[in-house]
């Protein structure tokens, strides 16, 4: 299974990740960065009135491979 991981900085400078299980494959840097900027600008997610996703850091696809034994 492949997930899209978006990494942001909080307003306190800590890393915070957002995962999407059903993201499109092969998104380019420009599209992903624009989407991340929109998420950060919206300030939808906060804790103690501090935005959890204040600035963009990186994005990557994470692939999980399972090997069933039985």
N, C-alpha and C. Protein backbone atom coordinates (compact mmCIF):
# COMPACT_ATOMS: atom_id res chain seq x y z
N UNK A 1 0.84 -1.17 0.00
CA UNK A 1 0.00 0.00 0.00
C UNK A 1 0.89 1.24 0.00
N UNK A 2 0.53 2.21 -0.80
CA UNK A 2 1.29 3.45 -0.90
C UNK A 2 0.51 4.59 -0.26
N UNK A 3 1.20 5.39 0.56
CA UNK A 3 0.60 6.56 1.19
C UNK A 3 1.42 7.78 0.82
N UNK A 4 0.75 8.92 0.80
CA UNK A 4 1.44 10.19 0.61
C UNK A 4 1.65 10.81 1.97
N UNK A 5 2.89 11.11 2.29
CA UNK A 5 3.24 11.76 3.56
C UNK A 5 3.61 13.20 3.28
N UNK A 6 2.93 14.12 3.96
CA UNK A 6 3.27 15.54 3.88
C UNK A 6 3.81 15.96 5.23
N UNK A 7 5.00 16.54 5.24
CA UNK A 7 5.63 16.96 6.49
C UNK A 7 5.59 18.49 6.57
N UNK A 8 5.11 18.96 7.72
CA UNK A 8 4.98 20.38 7.99
C UNK A 8 5.75 20.74 9.25
N UNK A 9 5.99 22.02 9.45
CA UNK A 9 6.50 22.55 10.72
C UNK A 9 5.34 23.18 11.45
N UNK A 10 5.28 22.96 12.75
CA UNK A 10 4.27 23.63 13.57
C UNK A 10 4.75 25.06 13.84
N UNK A 11 3.89 25.85 14.45
CA UNK A 11 4.29 27.21 14.80
C UNK A 11 5.39 27.22 15.86
N UNK A 12 5.58 26.07 16.54
CA UNK A 12 6.63 25.93 17.54
C UNK A 12 7.92 25.34 16.96
N UNK A 13 7.93 25.05 15.64
CA UNK A 13 9.13 24.53 14.99
C UNK A 13 9.26 23.02 15.01
N UNK A 14 8.25 22.31 15.47
CA UNK A 14 8.29 20.84 15.50
C UNK A 14 7.76 20.28 14.19
N UNK A 15 8.20 19.08 13.82
CA UNK A 15 7.69 18.41 12.63
C UNK A 15 6.35 17.76 12.93
N UNK A 16 5.45 17.85 11.96
CA UNK A 16 4.13 17.22 12.08
C UNK A 16 3.80 16.63 10.71
N UNK A 17 3.39 15.36 10.67
CA UNK A 17 3.10 14.67 9.41
C UNK A 17 1.61 14.52 9.20
N UNK A 18 1.23 14.57 7.92
CA UNK A 18 -0.14 14.34 7.50
C UNK A 18 -0.08 13.26 6.42
N UNK A 19 -0.86 12.19 6.58
CA UNK A 19 -0.82 11.06 5.66
C UNK A 19 -2.12 10.95 4.89
N UNK A 20 -2.01 10.59 3.61
CA UNK A 20 -3.16 10.34 2.76
C UNK A 20 -3.04 8.94 2.19
N UNK A 21 -3.99 8.08 2.51
CA UNK A 21 -3.96 6.70 2.04
C UNK A 21 -4.40 6.57 0.59
N UNK A 22 -5.24 7.47 0.13
CA UNK A 22 -5.80 7.35 -1.22
C UNK A 22 -5.40 8.54 -2.09
N UNK A 23 -4.14 8.88 -2.10
CA UNK A 23 -3.63 9.98 -2.92
C UNK A 23 -3.32 9.48 -4.32
N UNK A 24 -3.34 10.41 -5.27
CA UNK A 24 -2.96 10.06 -6.63
C UNK A 24 -1.49 9.67 -6.67
N UNK A 25 -1.17 8.75 -7.56
CA UNK A 25 0.23 8.37 -7.78
C UNK A 25 0.92 9.41 -8.65
N UNK A 26 2.21 9.56 -8.47
CA UNK A 26 3.07 10.37 -9.33
C UNK A 26 2.70 11.86 -9.34
N UNK A 27 2.33 12.42 -8.19
CA UNK A 27 2.12 13.86 -8.11
C UNK A 27 3.46 14.56 -8.22
N UNK A 28 3.50 15.67 -8.93
CA UNK A 28 4.77 16.38 -9.07
C UNK A 28 4.98 17.36 -7.92
N UNK A 29 6.17 17.92 -7.87
CA UNK A 29 6.56 18.80 -6.77
C UNK A 29 5.70 20.05 -6.70
N UNK A 30 5.41 20.65 -7.84
CA UNK A 30 4.64 21.89 -7.87
C UNK A 30 3.23 21.67 -7.34
N UNK A 31 2.56 20.64 -7.82
CA UNK A 31 1.20 20.33 -7.39
C UNK A 31 1.14 20.03 -5.90
N UNK A 32 2.07 19.21 -5.43
CA UNK A 32 2.09 18.83 -4.02
C UNK A 32 2.40 20.03 -3.13
N UNK A 33 3.36 20.84 -3.54
CA UNK A 33 3.73 22.01 -2.74
C UNK A 33 2.58 23.02 -2.67
N UNK A 34 1.87 23.23 -3.77
CA UNK A 34 0.72 24.13 -3.76
C UNK A 34 -0.37 23.63 -2.82
N UNK A 35 -0.63 22.32 -2.85
CA UNK A 35 -1.64 21.74 -1.96
C UNK A 35 -1.22 21.90 -0.50
N UNK A 36 0.05 21.68 -0.22
CA UNK A 36 0.54 21.83 1.15
C UNK A 36 0.44 23.27 1.64
N UNK A 37 0.73 24.21 0.76
CA UNK A 37 0.62 25.63 1.13
C UNK A 37 -0.83 26.00 1.44
N UNK A 38 -1.77 25.42 0.68
CA UNK A 38 -3.20 25.68 0.94
C UNK A 38 -3.60 25.11 2.30
N UNK A 39 -3.10 23.93 2.63
CA UNK A 39 -3.40 23.33 3.93
C UNK A 39 -2.85 24.21 5.05
N UNK A 40 -1.61 24.65 4.89
CA UNK A 40 -0.99 25.50 5.92
C UNK A 40 -1.73 26.83 6.06
N UNK A 41 -2.11 27.41 4.95
CA UNK A 41 -2.79 28.71 4.97
C UNK A 41 -4.18 28.62 5.59
N UNK A 42 -4.85 27.49 5.41
CA UNK A 42 -6.22 27.33 5.92
C UNK A 42 -6.29 27.27 7.44
N UNK A 43 -5.21 26.84 8.08
CA UNK A 43 -5.13 26.68 9.53
C UNK A 43 -6.32 25.89 10.09
N UNK A 44 -6.69 24.83 9.39
CA UNK A 44 -7.79 23.96 9.82
C UNK A 44 -7.45 23.20 11.09
N UNK A 45 -6.19 22.87 11.27
CA UNK A 45 -5.77 22.04 12.39
C UNK A 45 -4.97 22.89 13.37
N UNK A 46 -5.43 22.90 14.61
CA UNK A 46 -4.71 23.68 15.62
C UNK A 46 -4.81 22.99 16.98
N UNK A 47 -3.90 23.36 17.85
CA UNK A 47 -3.89 22.86 19.21
C UNK A 47 -3.51 24.03 20.11
N UNK A 48 -4.33 24.31 21.08
CA UNK A 48 -4.11 25.46 21.98
C UNK A 48 -3.95 26.75 21.18
N UNK A 49 -4.79 26.91 20.16
CA UNK A 49 -4.80 28.09 19.28
C UNK A 49 -3.49 28.29 18.52
N UNK A 50 -2.70 27.24 18.37
CA UNK A 50 -1.46 27.28 17.59
C UNK A 50 -1.63 26.34 16.39
N UNK A 51 -1.36 26.82 15.16
CA UNK A 51 -1.52 25.96 13.99
C UNK A 51 -0.55 24.78 14.01
N UNK A 52 -1.08 23.58 13.73
CA UNK A 52 -0.25 22.38 13.69
C UNK A 52 0.54 22.28 12.39
N UNK A 53 0.01 22.85 11.32
CA UNK A 53 0.65 22.82 10.02
C UNK A 53 0.91 24.25 9.56
N UNK A 54 1.98 24.85 10.06
CA UNK A 54 2.25 26.26 9.80
C UNK A 54 3.09 26.49 8.55
N UNK A 55 4.02 25.58 8.24
CA UNK A 55 4.91 25.77 7.10
C UNK A 55 5.23 24.42 6.48
N UNK A 56 5.46 24.41 5.17
CA UNK A 56 5.75 23.16 4.47
C UNK A 56 7.22 22.77 4.64
N UNK A 57 7.47 21.46 4.68
CA UNK A 57 8.83 20.94 4.79
C UNK A 57 9.14 20.01 3.63
N UNK A 58 8.36 18.92 3.50
CA UNK A 58 8.64 17.94 2.44
C UNK A 58 7.41 17.08 2.19
N UNK A 59 7.47 16.33 1.11
CA UNK A 59 6.42 15.36 0.79
C UNK A 59 7.08 14.15 0.15
N UNK A 60 6.52 12.99 0.44
CA UNK A 60 7.06 11.77 -0.15
C UNK A 60 6.01 10.68 -0.14
N UNK A 61 6.21 9.71 -1.02
CA UNK A 61 5.37 8.53 -1.03
C UNK A 61 6.02 7.48 -0.13
N UNK A 62 5.21 6.86 0.71
CA UNK A 62 5.66 5.79 1.58
C UNK A 62 5.00 4.50 1.10
N UNK A 63 5.80 3.50 0.79
CA UNK A 63 5.25 2.24 0.32
C UNK A 63 5.46 1.17 1.38
N UNK A 64 4.39 0.53 1.72
CA UNK A 64 4.44 -0.55 2.71
C UNK A 64 4.24 -1.87 1.98
N UNK A 65 5.19 -2.76 2.14
CA UNK A 65 5.13 -4.06 1.49
C UNK A 65 4.90 -5.12 2.56
N UNK A 66 3.87 -5.91 2.35
CA UNK A 66 3.56 -6.99 3.28
C UNK A 66 3.89 -8.32 2.63
N UNK A 67 4.50 -9.19 3.39
CA UNK A 67 4.81 -10.54 2.93
C UNK A 67 4.06 -11.51 3.84
N UNK A 68 2.98 -12.06 3.33
CA UNK A 68 2.16 -12.98 4.12
C UNK A 68 2.85 -14.33 4.24
N UNK A 69 2.88 -14.83 5.44
CA UNK A 69 3.50 -16.13 5.69
C UNK A 69 2.49 -17.25 5.48
N UNK A 70 1.29 -17.06 5.98
CA UNK A 70 0.22 -18.04 5.74
C UNK A 70 -1.11 -17.38 5.88
